[in-house]
């Protein structure tokens, strides 16, 4: 009986706290779709990469999708969050930076492209606003340069409307 109760609790907690990212992976030189799916995850799956930049505390938070592809955000610890960058990568040396500016309250709009609305949740109030969750209100493209070459973008990860990046 005890085993049954513990099993039910574990199943319920996994279902309640799991988030989903629906995505498509594209190789841009060929235009080929190289992967797609739905990644279900919990905050325990979030990969952390803390560091300092110009004496500012920063942490990259990633969620792995498949084939080594990851998506996430660079989290800065700021008094007021007015913008943030989403990132995608396959390897550590890749370069990606998709900037979002505050549009209205907790709604942010992707700087480049015609679409790209997201709704965010922050923590740390009232001293600072730390990005904790991103809900995609539109499909969004996160592109990157494989190998950090600075040449043309090599891959795009299309994040589908309704997907959630949750970091806390």
C-alpha atoms as a PDB file:
ATOM      1  CA  UNK A   1       0.000   0.000   0.000  1.00  0.00           C
ATOM      2  CA  UNK A   2       2.786   2.408   0.926  1.00  0.00           C
ATOM      3  CA  UNK A   3       4.521   1.702  -2.394  1.00  0.00           C
ATOM      4  CA  UNK A   4       1.304   2.505  -4.285  1.00  0.00           C
ATOM      5  CA  UNK A   5       0.901   5.855  -2.500  1.00  0.00           C
ATOM      6  CA  UNK A   6       4.528   6.848  -3.143  1.00  0.00           C
ATOM      7  CA  UNK A   7       4.183   5.861  -6.816  1.00  0.00           C
ATOM      8  CA  UNK A   8       1.013   7.925  -7.226  1.00  0.00           C
ATOM      9  CA  UNK A   9       2.654  10.948  -5.575  1.00  0.00           C
ATOM     10  CA  UNK A  10       5.719  10.687  -7.830  1.00  0.00           C
ATOM     11  CA  UNK A  11       3.633  10.384 -10.987  1.00  0.00           C
ATOM     12  CA  UNK A  12       1.423  13.302  -9.974  1.00  0.00           C
ATOM     13  CA  UNK A  13       4.346  15.590  -9.048  1.00  0.00           C
ATOM     14  CA  UNK A  14       6.142  14.843 -12.325  1.00  0.00           C
ATOM     15  CA  UNK A  15       3.020  15.586 -14.332  1.00  0.00           C
ATOM     16  CA  UNK A  16       2.218  18.799 -12.460  1.00  0.00           C
ATOM     17  CA  UNK A  17       5.716  20.284 -12.512  1.00  0.00           C
ATOM     18  CA  UNK A  18       6.825  19.228 -15.998  1.00  0.00           C
ATOM     19  CA  UNK A  19       7.132  21.891 -18.702  1.00  0.00           C
ATOM     20  CA  UNK A  20       7.154  21.360 -22.463  1.00  0.00           C
ATOM     21  CA  UNK A  21       9.114  22.836 -25.344  1.00  0.00           C
ATOM     22  CA  UNK A  22       7.842  22.021 -28.830  1.00  0.00           C
ATOM     23  CA  UNK A  23      10.613  22.614 -31.370  1.00  0.00           C
ATOM     24  CA  UNK A  24      12.045  22.062 -34.856  1.00  0.00           C
ATOM     25  CA  UNK A  25      15.788  21.982 -35.669  1.00  0.00           C
ATOM     26  CA  UNK A  26      17.048  23.255 -39.034  1.00  0.00           C
ATOM     27  CA  UNK A  27      20.436  23.069 -40.781  1.00  0.00           C
ATOM     28  CA  UNK A  28      20.462  26.407 -42.638  1.00  0.00           C
ATOM     29  CA  UNK A  29      22.988  25.612 -45.377  1.00  0.00           C
ATOM     30  CA  UNK A  30      20.624  22.943 -46.749  1.00  0.00           C
ATOM     31  CA  UNK A  31      17.326  24.133 -45.270  1.00  0.00           C
ATOM     32  CA  UNK A  32      16.791  20.593 -44.004  1.00  0.00           C
ATOM     33  CA  UNK A  33      14.725  19.791 -40.951  1.00  0.00           C
ATOM     34  CA  UNK A  34      17.131  17.687 -38.857  1.00  0.00           C
ATOM     35  CA  UNK A  35      14.972  17.089 -35.807  1.00  0.00           C
ATOM     36  CA  UNK A  36      11.746  17.952 -34.105  1.00  0.00           C
ATOM     37  CA  UNK A  37       9.822  16.968 -31.057  1.00  0.00           C
ATOM     38  CA  UNK A  38       8.441  17.901 -27.697  1.00  0.00           C
ATOM     39  CA  UNK A  39      10.901  18.100 -24.813  1.00  0.00           C
ATOM     40  CA  UNK A  40       9.239  17.539 -21.462  1.00  0.00           C
ATOM     41  CA  UNK A  41      11.449  18.567 -18.552  1.00  0.00           C
ATOM     42  CA  UNK A  42      11.539  19.755 -14.959  1.00  0.00           C
ATOM     43  CA  UNK A  43      13.739  22.423 -13.401  1.00  0.00           C
ATOM     44  CA  UNK A  44      16.063  19.600 -12.307  1.00  0.00           C
ATOM     45  CA  UNK A  45      16.978  19.174 -16.001  1.00  0.00           C
ATOM     46  CA  UNK A  46      18.136  22.798 -16.383  1.00  0.00           C
ATOM     47  CA  UNK A  47      21.903  23.062 -17.035  1.00  0.00           C
ATOM     48  CA  UNK A  48      23.587  25.962 -15.195  1.00  0.00           C
ATOM     49  CA  UNK A  49      26.707  27.819 -16.315  1.00  0.00           C
ATOM     50  CA  UNK A  50      27.475  30.657 -13.853  1.00  0.00           C
ATOM     51  CA  UNK A  51      30.220  33.216 -14.555  1.00  0.00           C
ATOM     52  CA  UNK A  52      31.172  36.872 -14.107  1.00  0.00           C
ATOM     53  CA  UNK A  53      31.324  39.460 -16.877  1.00  0.00           C
ATOM     54  CA  UNK A  54      32.719  42.916 -16.143  1.00  0.00           C
ATOM     55  CA  UNK A  55      32.232  42.204 -12.439  1.00  0.00           C
ATOM     56  CA  UNK A  56      28.562  41.345 -13.007  1.00  0.00           C
ATOM     57  CA  UNK A  57      27.115  38.033 -11.910  1.00  0.00           C
ATOM     58  CA  UNK A  58      25.659  36.124 -14.877  1.00  0.00           C
ATOM     59  CA  UNK A  59      24.310  32.608 -15.311  1.00  0.00           C
ATOM     60  CA  UNK A  60      23.447  30.811 -18.524  1.00  0.00           C
ATOM     61  CA  UNK A  61      20.575  28.376 -18.077  1.00  0.00           C
ATOM     62  CA  UNK A  62      20.051  25.717 -20.763  1.00  0.00           C
ATOM     63  CA  UNK A  63      17.540  22.997 -21.515  1.00  0.00           C
ATOM     64  CA  UNK A  64      18.821  20.211 -23.771  1.00  0.00           C
ATOM     65  CA  UNK A  65      16.494  19.234 -26.618  1.00  0.00           C
ATOM     66  CA  UNK A  66      18.087  16.414 -28.668  1.00  0.00           C
ATOM     67  CA  UNK A  67      21.329  15.608 -30.537  1.00  0.00           C
ATOM     68  CA  UNK A  68      23.163  17.981 -28.160  1.00  0.00           C
ATOM     69  CA  UNK A  69      21.113  21.058 -29.165  1.00  0.00           C
ATOM     70  CA  UNK A  70      20.283  23.342 -26.237  1.00  0.00           C
ATOM     71  CA  UNK A  71      18.154  26.448 -25.725  1.00  0.00           C
ATOM     72  CA  UNK A  72      18.097  28.876 -22.842  1.00  0.00           C
ATOM     73  CA  UNK A  73      18.840  32.355 -21.592  1.00  0.00           C
ATOM     74  CA  UNK A  74      21.622  34.471 -20.131  1.00  0.00           C
ATOM     75  CA  UNK A  75      20.327  35.617 -16.771  1.00  0.00           C
ATOM     76  CA  UNK A  76      21.608  38.932 -15.430  1.00  0.00           C
ATOM     77  CA  UNK A  77      20.805  40.072 -11.912  1.00  0.00           C
ATOM     78  CA  UNK A  78      19.334  43.548 -12.452  1.00  0.00           C
ATOM     79  CA  UNK A  79      17.147  45.962 -10.467  1.00  0.00           C
ATOM     80  CA  UNK A  80      14.648  46.165 -13.369  1.00  0.00           C
ATOM     81  CA  UNK A  81      14.421  43.740 -16.272  1.00  0.00           C
ATOM     82  CA  UNK A  82      13.852  45.686 -19.497  1.00  0.00           C
ATOM     83  CA  UNK A  83      15.358  43.176 -21.911  1.00  0.00           C
ATOM     84  CA  UNK A  84      17.027  39.768 -22.114  1.00  0.00           C
ATOM     85  CA  UNK A  85      18.808  37.478 -24.556  1.00  0.00           C
ATOM     86  CA  UNK A  86      17.762  33.973 -25.488  1.00  0.00           C
ATOM     87  CA  UNK A  87      20.457  31.605 -26.697  1.00  0.00           C
ATOM     88  CA  UNK A  88      20.774  28.349 -28.628  1.00  0.00           C
ATOM     89  CA  UNK A  89      23.816  26.145 -29.084  1.00  0.00           C
ATOM     90  CA  UNK A  90      25.139  22.789 -30.094  1.00  0.00           C
ATOM     91  CA  UNK A  91      28.684  23.203 -28.726  1.00  0.00           C
ATOM     92  CA  UNK A  92      30.177  25.513 -26.112  1.00  0.00           C
ATOM     93  CA  UNK A  93      31.879  27.760 -28.703  1.00  0.00           C
ATOM     94  CA  UNK A  94      28.698  28.529 -30.658  1.00  0.00           C
ATOM     95  CA  UNK A  95      27.399  32.100 -30.805  1.00  0.00           C
ATOM     96  CA  UNK A  96      23.743  32.975 -30.368  1.00  0.00           C
ATOM     97  CA  UNK A  97      21.961  36.063 -29.082  1.00  0.00           C
ATOM     98  CA  UNK A  98      18.272  36.737 -29.746  1.00  0.00           C
ATOM     99  CA  UNK A  99      17.342  39.920 -27.896  1.00  0.00           C
ATOM    100  CA  UNK A 100      13.896  40.668 -26.435  1.00  0.00           C
ATOM    101  CA  UNK A 101      12.789  44.151 -25.278  1.00  0.00           C
ATOM    102  CA  UNK A 102      10.016  44.968 -22.842  1.00  0.00           C
ATOM    103  CA  UNK A 103       6.805  45.801 -24.740  1.00  0.00           C
ATOM    104  CA  UNK A 104       4.168  46.081 -22.011  1.00  0.00           C
ATOM    105  CA  UNK A 105       4.559  44.968 -18.400  1.00  0.00           C
ATOM    106  CA  UNK A 106       5.636  41.322 -18.490  1.00  0.00           C
ATOM    107  CA  UNK A 107       5.236  41.024 -22.280  1.00  0.00           C
ATOM    108  CA  UNK A 108       8.491  41.200 -24.276  1.00  0.00           C
ATOM    109  CA  UNK A 109       9.018  41.372 -28.056  1.00  0.00           C
ATOM    110  CA  UNK A 110      11.879  39.937 -30.084  1.00  0.00           C
ATOM    111  CA  UNK A 111      14.017  42.776 -31.438  1.00  0.00           C
ATOM    112  CA  UNK A 112      14.529  41.259 -34.910  1.00  0.00           C
ATOM    113  CA  UNK A 113      11.772  39.677 -36.970  1.00  0.00           C
ATOM    114  CA  UNK A 114       8.069  40.307 -37.271  1.00  0.00           C
ATOM    115  CA  UNK A 115       6.940  37.845 -34.589  1.00  0.00           C
ATOM    116  CA  UNK A 116       8.256  36.954 -31.215  1.00  0.00           C
ATOM    117  CA  UNK A 117       6.075  37.859 -28.252  1.00  0.00           C
ATOM    118  CA  UNK A 118       6.765  36.166 -24.927  1.00  0.00           C
ATOM    119  CA  UNK A 119       5.394  36.558 -21.426  1.00  0.00           C
ATOM    120  CA  UNK A 120       7.829  36.309 -18.524  1.00  0.00           C
ATOM    121  CA  UNK A 121       7.857  35.687 -14.790  1.00  0.00           C
ATOM    122  CA  UNK A 122      10.570  37.071 -12.526  1.00  0.00           C
ATOM    123  CA  UNK A 123      11.748  36.457  -8.970  1.00  0.00           C
ATOM    124  CA  UNK A 124      13.894  38.442  -6.542  1.00  0.00           C
ATOM    125  CA  UNK A 125      11.409  41.288  -6.048  1.00  0.00           C
ATOM    126  CA  UNK A 126      11.644  44.015  -4.768  1.00  0.00           C
ATOM    127  CA  UNK A 127      15.461  44.267  -4.850  1.00  0.00           C
ATOM    128  CA  UNK A 128      15.957  42.919  -8.368  1.00  0.00           C
ATOM    129  CA  UNK A 129      14.176  41.121 -11.191  1.00  0.00           C
ATOM    130  CA  UNK A 130      15.601  37.723 -12.137  1.00  0.00           C
ATOM    131  CA  UNK A 131      14.168  35.992 -15.223  1.00  0.00           C
ATOM    132  CA  UNK A 132      12.602  32.685 -14.137  1.00  0.00           C
ATOM    133  CA  UNK A 133      10.088  31.701 -16.820  1.00  0.00           C
ATOM    134  CA  UNK A 134       9.366  32.478 -20.484  1.00  0.00           C
ATOM    135  CA  UNK A 135       6.067  31.532 -22.147  1.00  0.00           C
ATOM    136  CA  UNK A 136       6.119  31.779 -25.945  1.00  0.00           C
ATOM    137  CA  UNK A 137       3.031  33.610 -27.231  1.00  0.00           C
ATOM    138  CA  UNK A 138       4.257  33.226 -30.854  1.00  0.00           C
ATOM    139  CA  UNK A 139       6.583  30.857 -32.680  1.00  0.00           C
ATOM    140  CA  UNK A 140      10.170  32.102 -32.321  1.00  0.00           C
ATOM    141  CA  UNK A 141      13.429  31.348 -34.122  1.00  0.00           C
ATOM    142  CA  UNK A 142      16.680  31.051 -32.168  1.00  0.00           C
ATOM    143  CA  UNK A 143      19.596  30.986 -34.612  1.00  0.00           C
ATOM    144  CA  UNK A 144      23.286  30.452 -33.978  1.00  0.00           C
ATOM    145  CA  UNK A 145      26.730  30.303 -35.574  1.00  0.00           C
ATOM    146  CA  UNK A 146      28.204  26.830 -35.143  1.00  0.00           C
ATOM    147  CA  UNK A 147      31.742  27.035 -33.781  1.00  0.00           C
ATOM    148  CA  UNK A 148      31.480  30.747 -33.008  1.00  0.00           C
ATOM    149  CA  UNK A 149      32.914  31.577 -36.427  1.00  0.00           C
ATOM    150  CA  UNK A 150      30.905  34.773 -36.807  1.00  0.00           C
ATOM    151  CA  UNK A 151      30.026  33.678 -40.335  1.00  0.00           C
ATOM    152  CA  UNK A 152      26.459  33.146 -41.525  1.00  0.00           C
ATOM    153  CA  UNK A 153      24.107  31.473 -39.099  1.00  0.00           C
ATOM    154  CA  UNK A 154      24.377  27.703 -39.362  1.00  0.00           C
ATOM    155  CA  UNK A 155      21.333  26.429 -37.473  1.00  0.00           C
ATOM    156  CA  UNK A 156      17.912  27.606 -36.335  1.00  0.00           C
ATOM    157  CA  UNK A 157      15.780  26.174 -33.588  1.00  0.00           C
ATOM    158  CA  UNK A 158      12.136  27.062 -34.044  1.00  0.00           C
ATOM    159  CA  UNK A 159      10.362  27.231 -30.679  1.00  0.00           C
ATOM    160  CA  UNK A 160       6.618  26.747 -31.080  1.00  0.00           C
ATOM    161  CA  UNK A 161       3.885  28.894 -29.544  1.00  0.00           C
ATOM    162  CA  UNK A 162       2.871  27.670 -26.081  1.00  0.00           C
ATOM    163  CA  UNK A 163       6.347  26.366 -25.205  1.00  0.00           C
ATOM    164  CA  UNK A 164       7.781  27.269 -21.797  1.00  0.00           C
ATOM    165  CA  UNK A 165      11.354  27.879 -20.640  1.00  0.00           C
ATOM    166  CA  UNK A 166      11.277  27.558 -16.837  1.00  0.00           C
ATOM    167  CA  UNK A 167      14.472  28.035 -14.868  1.00  0.00           C
ATOM    168  CA  UNK A 168      13.547  28.209 -11.159  1.00  0.00           C
END
